[in-house]
N, C-alpha and C. Protein backbone atom coordinates (compact mmCIF):
# COMPACT_ATOMS: atom_id res chain seq x y z
N MET A 1 9.67 98.42 -142.85
CA MET A 1 8.24 98.35 -142.56
C MET A 1 7.93 97.23 -141.51
N VAL A 2 8.76 96.20 -141.56
CA VAL A 2 8.52 95.16 -140.58
C VAL A 2 8.64 95.66 -139.15
N GLU A 3 9.68 96.44 -138.89
CA GLU A 3 9.93 97.04 -137.59
C GLU A 3 8.74 97.93 -137.21
N MET A 4 8.27 98.73 -138.16
CA MET A 4 7.12 99.59 -137.85
C MET A 4 5.83 98.77 -137.57
N ALA A 5 5.69 97.66 -138.33
CA ALA A 5 4.53 96.80 -138.08
C ALA A 5 4.64 96.19 -136.68
N GLU A 6 5.83 95.77 -136.31
CA GLU A 6 6.05 95.20 -134.97
C GLU A 6 5.71 96.23 -133.88
N ASP A 7 6.17 97.48 -134.08
CA ASP A 7 5.88 98.54 -133.12
C ASP A 7 4.36 98.77 -133.01
N MET A 8 3.72 98.79 -134.16
CA MET A 8 2.25 99.00 -134.20
C MET A 8 1.53 97.86 -133.47
N ALA A 9 1.94 96.63 -133.77
CA ALA A 9 1.33 95.49 -133.07
C ALA A 9 1.45 95.54 -131.58
N SER A 10 2.66 95.96 -131.16
CA SER A 10 2.94 96.08 -129.72
C SER A 10 2.08 97.18 -129.11
N ALA A 11 1.89 98.28 -129.81
CA ALA A 11 1.17 99.40 -129.28
C ALA A 11 -0.33 99.09 -129.13
N ILE A 12 -0.85 98.24 -129.96
CA ILE A 12 -2.30 97.92 -129.90
C ILE A 12 -2.51 96.48 -129.33
N SER A 13 -1.48 95.96 -128.74
CA SER A 13 -1.56 94.64 -128.06
C SER A 13 -1.97 93.50 -128.95
N ILE A 14 -1.40 93.47 -130.16
CA ILE A 14 -1.62 92.34 -131.06
C ILE A 14 -0.32 91.55 -131.07
N PRO A 15 -0.39 90.21 -130.95
CA PRO A 15 0.86 89.43 -130.98
C PRO A 15 1.58 89.63 -132.29
N LYS A 16 2.89 89.76 -132.22
CA LYS A 16 3.72 89.94 -133.44
C LYS A 16 3.55 88.77 -134.40
N THR A 17 3.14 87.65 -133.91
CA THR A 17 2.91 86.49 -134.75
C THR A 17 1.70 86.70 -135.66
N ASN A 18 0.86 87.71 -135.39
CA ASN A 18 -0.28 88.03 -136.19
C ASN A 18 0.03 88.94 -137.38
N ILE A 19 1.27 89.37 -137.48
CA ILE A 19 1.68 90.19 -138.63
C ILE A 19 1.76 89.30 -139.86
N MET A 20 1.03 89.66 -140.90
CA MET A 20 0.97 88.82 -142.08
C MET A 20 1.76 89.44 -143.24
N ALA A 21 2.51 88.62 -143.89
CA ALA A 21 3.24 88.98 -145.10
C ALA A 21 3.57 87.72 -145.86
N ASN A 22 3.66 87.85 -147.17
CA ASN A 22 4.08 86.71 -147.95
C ASN A 22 5.53 86.38 -147.63
N LYS A 23 5.86 85.11 -147.59
CA LYS A 23 7.22 84.67 -147.31
C LYS A 23 8.16 84.99 -148.45
N VAL A 24 7.61 85.11 -149.66
CA VAL A 24 8.40 85.39 -150.87
C VAL A 24 7.90 86.77 -151.36
N GLU A 25 8.84 87.69 -151.64
CA GLU A 25 8.48 89.05 -151.93
C GLU A 25 8.26 89.37 -153.41
N LYS A 26 8.72 88.54 -154.35
CA LYS A 26 8.52 88.91 -155.76
C LYS A 26 8.67 87.68 -156.67
N GLY A 27 8.27 87.88 -157.88
CA GLY A 27 8.45 86.89 -158.95
C GLY A 27 7.59 85.68 -158.85
N VAL A 28 8.03 84.61 -159.53
CA VAL A 28 7.30 83.36 -159.61
C VAL A 28 7.09 82.74 -158.22
N GLY A 29 8.08 82.83 -157.38
CA GLY A 29 7.95 82.27 -156.02
C GLY A 29 6.81 82.90 -155.25
N LYS A 30 6.66 84.27 -155.39
CA LYS A 30 5.53 84.91 -154.73
C LYS A 30 4.20 84.46 -155.26
N ALA A 31 4.10 84.37 -156.59
CA ALA A 31 2.86 83.93 -157.20
C ALA A 31 2.53 82.50 -156.77
N MET A 32 3.49 81.65 -156.70
CA MET A 32 3.24 80.26 -156.25
C MET A 32 2.84 80.20 -154.82
N TYR A 33 3.53 80.94 -153.98
CA TYR A 33 3.21 80.96 -152.56
C TYR A 33 1.80 81.51 -152.36
N ARG A 34 1.43 82.52 -153.10
CA ARG A 34 0.11 83.12 -153.00
C ARG A 34 -0.97 82.07 -153.41
N TRP A 35 -0.68 81.29 -154.40
CA TRP A 35 -1.63 80.27 -154.91
C TRP A 35 -1.81 79.20 -153.85
N ILE A 36 -0.77 78.83 -153.15
CA ILE A 36 -0.77 77.75 -152.13
C ILE A 36 -1.36 78.26 -150.82
N ASN A 37 -0.87 79.40 -150.38
CA ASN A 37 -1.21 79.91 -149.03
C ASN A 37 -1.52 81.41 -149.07
N LYS A 38 -2.72 81.76 -149.34
CA LYS A 38 -3.10 83.17 -149.35
C LYS A 38 -3.11 83.70 -147.95
N CYS A 39 -2.29 84.72 -147.70
CA CYS A 39 -2.08 85.12 -146.33
C CYS A 39 -3.28 85.76 -145.66
N LEU A 40 -4.29 86.18 -146.37
CA LEU A 40 -5.53 86.72 -145.77
C LEU A 40 -6.72 85.80 -145.78
N SER A 41 -6.53 84.60 -146.22
CA SER A 41 -7.66 83.68 -146.42
C SER A 41 -8.30 83.23 -145.13
N ASP A 42 -7.61 83.27 -144.04
CA ASP A 42 -8.19 82.85 -142.75
C ASP A 42 -8.86 83.97 -141.96
N MET A 43 -8.93 85.13 -142.53
CA MET A 43 -9.56 86.27 -141.82
C MET A 43 -11.05 86.01 -141.68
N LYS A 44 -11.56 86.37 -140.53
CA LYS A 44 -13.01 86.23 -140.25
C LYS A 44 -13.67 87.61 -140.44
N SER A 45 -14.95 87.62 -140.69
CA SER A 45 -15.65 88.91 -140.85
C SER A 45 -15.56 89.80 -139.59
N THR A 46 -15.30 89.19 -138.46
CA THR A 46 -15.22 89.94 -137.20
C THR A 46 -13.81 90.44 -136.91
N ASP A 47 -12.82 90.06 -137.71
CA ASP A 47 -11.43 90.52 -137.51
C ASP A 47 -11.25 91.90 -138.01
N THR A 48 -10.13 92.51 -137.63
CA THR A 48 -9.72 93.82 -138.14
C THR A 48 -8.38 93.65 -138.82
N VAL A 49 -8.27 94.24 -140.03
CA VAL A 49 -7.01 94.20 -140.74
C VAL A 49 -6.47 95.65 -140.77
N TYR A 50 -5.22 95.80 -140.38
CA TYR A 50 -4.50 97.08 -140.50
C TYR A 50 -3.49 96.94 -141.59
N ILE A 51 -3.61 97.69 -142.62
CA ILE A 51 -2.64 97.70 -143.74
C ILE A 51 -1.71 98.87 -143.50
N LEU A 52 -0.45 98.56 -143.35
CA LEU A 52 0.53 99.59 -143.08
C LEU A 52 1.34 99.85 -144.32
N LEU A 53 1.17 101.02 -144.89
CA LEU A 53 1.83 101.50 -146.09
C LEU A 53 2.24 102.95 -145.95
N HIS A 54 3.22 103.38 -146.71
CA HIS A 54 3.54 104.79 -146.78
C HIS A 54 2.55 105.52 -147.60
N GLY A 55 2.00 106.62 -147.04
CA GLY A 55 1.12 107.48 -147.82
C GLY A 55 1.90 108.76 -148.11
N ASN A 56 1.32 109.63 -148.90
CA ASN A 56 2.06 110.87 -149.22
C ASN A 56 1.70 111.99 -148.26
N GLY A 57 0.83 111.77 -147.29
CA GLY A 57 0.57 112.71 -146.23
C GLY A 57 -0.25 113.92 -146.60
N ARG A 58 -0.85 113.87 -147.81
CA ARG A 58 -1.66 115.02 -148.25
C ARG A 58 -2.81 114.53 -149.10
N ALA A 59 -3.73 115.42 -149.43
CA ALA A 59 -4.85 115.09 -150.28
C ALA A 59 -4.40 114.91 -151.74
N ASP A 60 -5.25 114.29 -152.53
CA ASP A 60 -5.06 114.09 -153.97
C ASP A 60 -3.94 113.12 -154.34
N GLY A 61 -3.50 112.30 -153.38
CA GLY A 61 -2.50 111.30 -153.73
C GLY A 61 -3.05 110.17 -154.56
N LYS A 62 -2.34 109.84 -155.62
CA LYS A 62 -2.80 108.77 -156.53
C LYS A 62 -2.36 107.40 -156.10
N GLN A 63 -1.27 107.34 -155.29
CA GLN A 63 -0.73 106.02 -154.91
C GLN A 63 -0.31 106.08 -153.41
N VAL A 64 -0.25 104.87 -152.84
CA VAL A 64 0.37 104.68 -151.55
C VAL A 64 1.53 103.75 -151.75
N GLY A 65 2.44 103.71 -150.79
CA GLY A 65 3.68 102.89 -150.91
C GLY A 65 4.84 103.82 -151.05
N ALA A 66 5.81 103.33 -151.85
CA ALA A 66 6.97 104.18 -152.11
C ALA A 66 7.30 104.05 -153.59
N GLN A 67 7.93 105.06 -154.16
CA GLN A 67 8.28 104.99 -155.56
C GLN A 67 9.13 103.77 -155.88
N ARG A 68 8.79 103.05 -156.92
CA ARG A 68 9.61 101.96 -157.35
C ARG A 68 11.00 102.44 -157.65
N ASN A 69 11.96 101.58 -157.41
CA ASN A 69 13.38 101.88 -157.59
C ASN A 69 13.97 102.83 -156.61
N ASP A 70 13.17 103.31 -155.65
CA ASP A 70 13.75 104.04 -154.52
C ASP A 70 14.14 103.01 -153.46
N THR A 71 15.35 103.06 -153.00
CA THR A 71 15.83 102.14 -152.00
C THR A 71 15.94 102.88 -150.69
N PHE A 72 15.41 102.30 -149.64
CA PHE A 72 15.44 102.92 -148.30
C PHE A 72 16.49 102.22 -147.44
N GLY A 73 16.58 102.66 -146.20
CA GLY A 73 17.58 102.16 -145.29
C GLY A 73 17.70 100.66 -145.15
N ASP A 74 16.63 99.96 -145.35
CA ASP A 74 16.72 98.46 -145.23
C ASP A 74 17.20 97.80 -146.51
N GLY A 75 17.50 98.58 -147.54
CA GLY A 75 18.09 98.01 -148.78
C GLY A 75 17.04 97.36 -149.67
N LYS A 76 15.78 97.49 -149.39
CA LYS A 76 14.74 96.85 -150.21
C LYS A 76 14.11 97.91 -151.09
N THR A 77 13.64 97.49 -152.24
CA THR A 77 12.89 98.33 -153.16
C THR A 77 11.38 98.09 -152.91
N TRP A 78 10.65 99.19 -152.72
CA TRP A 78 9.25 99.08 -152.36
C TRP A 78 8.39 99.29 -153.55
N LYS A 79 7.11 98.99 -153.45
CA LYS A 79 6.16 99.08 -154.50
C LYS A 79 5.08 100.06 -154.17
N THR A 80 4.48 100.64 -155.21
CA THR A 80 3.32 101.53 -155.00
C THR A 80 2.08 100.84 -155.43
N TYR A 81 0.93 101.34 -154.93
CA TYR A 81 -0.38 100.78 -155.27
C TYR A 81 -1.33 101.93 -155.55
N THR A 82 -2.16 101.77 -156.56
CA THR A 82 -3.38 102.56 -156.75
C THR A 82 -4.43 101.88 -155.97
N PRO A 83 -5.59 102.52 -155.77
CA PRO A 83 -6.69 101.83 -155.07
C PRO A 83 -7.08 100.59 -155.81
N THR A 84 -7.14 100.58 -157.11
CA THR A 84 -7.49 99.39 -157.90
C THR A 84 -6.47 98.27 -157.67
N GLN A 85 -5.19 98.60 -157.67
CA GLN A 85 -4.15 97.59 -157.49
C GLN A 85 -4.21 97.00 -156.05
N LEU A 86 -4.43 97.84 -155.04
CA LEU A 86 -4.43 97.30 -153.72
C LEU A 86 -5.70 96.42 -153.50
N ALA A 87 -6.83 96.84 -154.01
CA ALA A 87 -8.02 96.02 -153.92
C ALA A 87 -7.81 94.67 -154.57
N SER A 88 -7.17 94.66 -155.72
CA SER A 88 -6.86 93.42 -156.42
C SER A 88 -5.90 92.56 -155.61
N THR A 89 -4.88 93.15 -155.02
CA THR A 89 -3.93 92.38 -154.23
C THR A 89 -4.62 91.78 -153.00
N LEU A 90 -5.50 92.56 -152.35
CA LEU A 90 -6.23 91.97 -151.19
C LEU A 90 -7.06 90.74 -151.62
N GLY A 91 -7.67 90.83 -152.79
CA GLY A 91 -8.43 89.69 -153.28
C GLY A 91 -7.51 88.50 -153.58
N LYS A 92 -6.36 88.78 -154.20
CA LYS A 92 -5.43 87.71 -154.54
C LYS A 92 -4.87 87.02 -153.29
N GLU A 93 -4.79 87.81 -152.20
CA GLU A 93 -4.29 87.27 -150.95
C GLU A 93 -5.39 86.59 -150.19
N GLY A 94 -6.60 86.48 -150.74
CA GLY A 94 -7.64 85.68 -150.17
C GLY A 94 -8.58 86.35 -149.17
N LEU A 95 -8.58 87.70 -149.09
CA LEU A 95 -9.46 88.34 -148.16
C LEU A 95 -10.91 87.98 -148.47
N PRO A 96 -11.61 87.35 -147.53
CA PRO A 96 -13.00 86.93 -147.81
C PRO A 96 -13.89 88.09 -148.13
N THR A 97 -14.83 87.90 -149.03
CA THR A 97 -15.77 89.01 -149.42
C THR A 97 -16.71 89.36 -148.31
N SER A 98 -16.80 88.53 -147.26
CA SER A 98 -17.60 88.87 -146.08
C SER A 98 -16.88 89.77 -145.13
N PHE A 99 -15.61 90.10 -145.40
CA PHE A 99 -14.83 90.91 -144.49
C PHE A 99 -15.40 92.33 -144.33
N VAL A 100 -15.22 92.94 -143.12
CA VAL A 100 -15.82 94.21 -142.80
C VAL A 100 -14.83 95.32 -142.46
N ASP A 101 -13.88 95.11 -141.53
CA ASP A 101 -13.13 96.23 -140.92
C ASP A 101 -11.69 96.31 -141.36
N LEU A 102 -11.44 97.23 -142.30
CA LEU A 102 -10.13 97.43 -142.94
C LEU A 102 -9.62 98.80 -142.57
N HIS A 103 -8.44 98.92 -142.03
CA HIS A 103 -7.82 100.23 -141.70
C HIS A 103 -6.62 100.38 -142.59
N LEU A 104 -6.64 101.53 -143.30
CA LEU A 104 -5.52 101.89 -144.19
C LEU A 104 -4.59 102.85 -143.45
N CYS A 105 -3.58 102.25 -142.82
CA CYS A 105 -2.65 103.02 -141.99
C CYS A 105 -1.54 103.58 -142.90
N ALA A 106 -1.92 104.67 -143.60
CA ALA A 106 -1.02 105.34 -144.51
C ALA A 106 -1.20 106.82 -144.27
N CYS A 107 -0.13 107.57 -144.15
CA CYS A 107 -0.23 109.01 -143.87
C CYS A 107 -1.11 109.70 -144.89
N GLY A 108 -2.11 110.41 -144.39
CA GLY A 108 -3.00 111.16 -145.24
C GLY A 108 -4.08 110.40 -145.98
N SER A 109 -4.26 109.16 -145.63
CA SER A 109 -5.22 108.27 -146.37
C SER A 109 -6.69 108.69 -146.23
N GLY A 110 -6.97 109.64 -145.30
CA GLY A 110 -8.35 110.10 -145.11
C GLY A 110 -8.59 111.51 -145.66
N TYR A 111 -7.58 112.17 -146.15
CA TYR A 111 -7.75 113.53 -146.63
C TYR A 111 -8.55 113.56 -147.93
N ASP A 112 -9.54 114.46 -147.94
CA ASP A 112 -10.34 114.70 -149.16
C ASP A 112 -9.64 115.83 -149.96
N GLY A 113 -9.46 115.62 -151.23
CA GLY A 113 -8.75 116.58 -152.02
C GLY A 113 -9.59 117.46 -152.95
N ASP A 114 -8.96 118.32 -153.65
CA ASP A 114 -9.62 119.15 -154.65
C ASP A 114 -9.95 118.34 -155.92
N LYS A 115 -9.05 117.39 -156.22
CA LYS A 115 -9.22 116.58 -157.47
C LYS A 115 -9.67 115.17 -157.19
N LEU A 116 -9.28 114.62 -156.05
CA LEU A 116 -9.56 113.23 -155.76
C LEU A 116 -10.22 113.06 -154.38
N ARG A 117 -11.12 112.08 -154.28
CA ARG A 117 -11.67 111.71 -152.95
C ARG A 117 -10.57 111.09 -152.12
N PRO A 118 -10.83 110.92 -150.79
CA PRO A 118 -9.79 110.30 -149.95
C PRO A 118 -9.38 108.94 -150.48
N TRP A 119 -8.09 108.59 -150.26
CA TRP A 119 -7.57 107.33 -150.76
C TRP A 119 -8.33 106.16 -150.14
N ALA A 120 -8.70 106.24 -148.92
CA ALA A 120 -9.45 105.16 -148.27
C ALA A 120 -10.82 104.98 -148.91
N LYS A 121 -11.47 106.09 -149.28
CA LYS A 121 -12.76 106.00 -149.92
C LYS A 121 -12.64 105.41 -151.33
N ARG A 122 -11.57 105.75 -152.05
CA ARG A 122 -11.37 105.21 -153.39
C ARG A 122 -11.05 103.68 -153.30
N LEU A 123 -10.36 103.27 -152.25
CA LEU A 123 -10.11 101.87 -152.05
C LEU A 123 -11.44 101.11 -151.80
N LYS A 124 -12.25 101.69 -150.91
CA LYS A 124 -13.58 101.07 -150.66
C LYS A 124 -14.39 100.92 -151.95
N ASP A 125 -14.39 102.00 -152.73
CA ASP A 125 -15.11 101.95 -154.02
C ASP A 125 -14.64 100.80 -154.93
N GLN A 126 -13.33 100.51 -154.89
CA GLN A 126 -12.79 99.44 -155.71
C GLN A 126 -13.10 98.07 -155.18
N MET A 127 -13.56 98.01 -153.92
CA MET A 127 -13.86 96.71 -153.31
C MET A 127 -15.37 96.42 -153.33
N SER A 128 -16.02 96.64 -154.43
CA SER A 128 -17.45 96.59 -154.56
C SER A 128 -18.03 95.19 -154.29
N THR A 129 -17.23 94.13 -154.43
CA THR A 129 -17.69 92.78 -154.13
C THR A 129 -17.74 92.49 -152.66
N TYR A 130 -17.19 93.39 -151.84
CA TYR A 130 -17.19 93.27 -150.42
C TYR A 130 -18.39 94.11 -149.86
N SER A 131 -19.52 93.52 -149.82
CA SER A 131 -20.78 94.30 -149.59
C SER A 131 -20.81 95.00 -148.23
N ASN A 132 -20.12 94.53 -147.23
CA ASN A 132 -20.14 95.12 -145.88
C ASN A 132 -18.88 95.84 -145.52
N ILE A 133 -17.93 95.94 -146.40
CA ILE A 133 -16.59 96.50 -146.07
C ILE A 133 -16.68 97.94 -145.59
N LYS A 134 -15.93 98.24 -144.56
CA LYS A 134 -15.72 99.57 -144.09
C LYS A 134 -14.20 99.83 -144.11
N VAL A 135 -13.86 100.90 -144.83
CA VAL A 135 -12.41 101.25 -144.94
C VAL A 135 -12.16 102.51 -144.16
N THR A 136 -11.21 102.48 -143.22
CA THR A 136 -10.89 103.67 -142.44
C THR A 136 -9.59 104.21 -142.88
N GLY A 137 -9.56 105.54 -143.12
CA GLY A 137 -8.36 106.26 -143.41
C GLY A 137 -8.07 107.25 -142.31
N TYR A 138 -6.95 108.00 -142.38
CA TYR A 138 -6.57 108.87 -141.29
C TYR A 138 -6.16 110.23 -141.79
N LEU A 139 -6.49 111.22 -140.96
CA LEU A 139 -6.20 112.64 -141.29
C LEU A 139 -4.90 113.06 -140.60
N GLY A 140 -3.76 112.84 -141.23
CA GLY A 140 -2.51 113.24 -140.64
C GLY A 140 -1.43 112.18 -140.93
N TRP A 141 -0.34 112.32 -140.19
CA TRP A 141 0.83 111.47 -140.38
C TRP A 141 0.93 110.51 -139.18
N PHE A 142 1.29 109.28 -139.48
CA PHE A 142 1.47 108.27 -138.43
C PHE A 142 2.78 108.46 -137.69
N SER A 143 2.67 108.33 -136.37
CA SER A 143 3.84 108.28 -135.48
C SER A 143 3.65 107.07 -134.63
N ILE A 144 4.54 106.07 -134.84
CA ILE A 144 4.39 104.78 -134.19
C ILE A 144 5.63 104.42 -133.42
N THR A 145 5.40 104.11 -132.11
CA THR A 145 6.50 103.61 -131.30
C THR A 145 6.03 102.28 -130.73
N GLY A 146 6.87 101.63 -129.97
CA GLY A 146 6.47 100.35 -129.38
C GLY A 146 5.33 100.39 -128.35
N THR A 147 4.96 101.62 -127.95
CA THR A 147 3.93 101.75 -126.92
C THR A 147 2.76 102.61 -127.38
N THR A 148 2.90 103.41 -128.44
CA THR A 148 1.80 104.29 -128.85
C THR A 148 1.74 104.41 -130.37
N ILE A 149 0.53 104.68 -130.79
CA ILE A 149 0.30 105.10 -132.23
C ILE A 149 -0.44 106.39 -132.14
N ARG A 150 0.11 107.39 -132.74
CA ARG A 150 -0.53 108.72 -132.74
C ARG A 150 -0.57 109.25 -134.20
N ILE A 151 -1.45 110.16 -134.40
CA ILE A 151 -1.55 110.83 -135.69
C ILE A 151 -1.14 112.28 -135.47
N LYS A 152 -0.12 112.69 -136.26
CA LYS A 152 0.39 114.06 -136.16
C LYS A 152 -0.33 114.93 -137.19
N ASP A 153 -0.87 116.03 -136.72
CA ASP A 153 -1.48 117.04 -137.56
C ASP A 153 -0.34 117.84 -138.15
N PRO A 154 -0.14 117.85 -139.49
CA PRO A 154 1.02 118.52 -140.05
C PRO A 154 0.88 120.05 -140.02
N VAL A 155 -0.30 120.58 -139.81
CA VAL A 155 -0.51 122.02 -139.76
C VAL A 155 -0.01 122.60 -138.46
N ASN A 156 -0.37 122.03 -137.32
CA ASN A 156 -0.01 122.59 -136.02
C ASN A 156 0.88 121.69 -135.24
N ALA A 157 1.33 120.57 -135.81
CA ALA A 157 2.27 119.66 -135.15
C ALA A 157 1.72 119.04 -133.89
N SER A 158 0.39 119.00 -133.71
CA SER A 158 -0.21 118.39 -132.55
C SER A 158 -0.43 116.91 -132.79
N PHE A 159 -0.43 116.12 -131.73
CA PHE A 159 -0.64 114.69 -131.86
C PHE A 159 -2.01 114.29 -131.35
N HIS A 160 -2.58 113.28 -131.96
CA HIS A 160 -3.98 112.84 -131.67
C HIS A 160 -4.02 111.33 -131.66
N SER A 161 -5.06 110.81 -131.04
CA SER A 161 -5.29 109.38 -131.04
C SER A 161 -5.76 108.95 -132.43
N LEU A 162 -5.68 107.64 -132.73
CA LEU A 162 -6.19 107.13 -133.98
C LEU A 162 -7.65 107.50 -134.15
N GLU A 163 -8.40 107.30 -133.08
CA GLU A 163 -9.87 107.52 -133.16
C GLU A 163 -10.23 108.98 -133.48
N GLU A 164 -9.42 109.92 -132.98
CA GLU A 164 -9.70 111.34 -133.21
C GLU A 164 -9.50 111.69 -134.70
N LYS A 165 -8.63 111.04 -135.38
CA LYS A 165 -8.26 111.40 -136.77
C LYS A 165 -8.73 110.32 -137.78
N ALA A 166 -9.58 109.42 -137.37
CA ALA A 166 -10.10 108.38 -138.30
C ALA A 166 -11.29 108.87 -139.05
N VAL A 167 -11.35 108.49 -140.31
CA VAL A 167 -12.56 108.70 -141.15
C VAL A 167 -12.88 107.39 -141.79
N THR A 168 -14.13 106.91 -141.66
CA THR A 168 -14.52 105.62 -142.13
C THR A 168 -15.53 105.78 -143.32
N PHE A 169 -15.31 104.99 -144.31
CA PHE A 169 -16.17 105.02 -145.55
C PHE A 169 -16.83 103.69 -145.69
């Protein structure tokens, strides 16, 4: 994911030094680091945060991330989040309640389902203490290179800009 985040930062002209992540990934060390230095606490209400996670690419997804205990090419085990869990994590990481512009860069995060509302909408609903928050999800699959970010429509395999496939709640 770090490489993908670096490609995304490059494509939208954000310095790679602006990529935020905890220095410690799990356990007591992560909790202590979070207590000392919340990685989102310096965000201003005028900033934009792009959260890069794996989505399931379709409607009615209950979680984003990757299944626990699944190991990918980088040898790390990834975690999944429900909207409630991700909202809680953003709060624990110090995201100010005055924050406004949050983009959920996860495949299918904007799809409305038969059983569930879009993942981005459910995240916004869980962030009720953020009175001005706008959460943007996307209709399709992310394709990120060092120069472009495009959204692939899985039905006809066409590519679109972020703006064309964005839905904001």
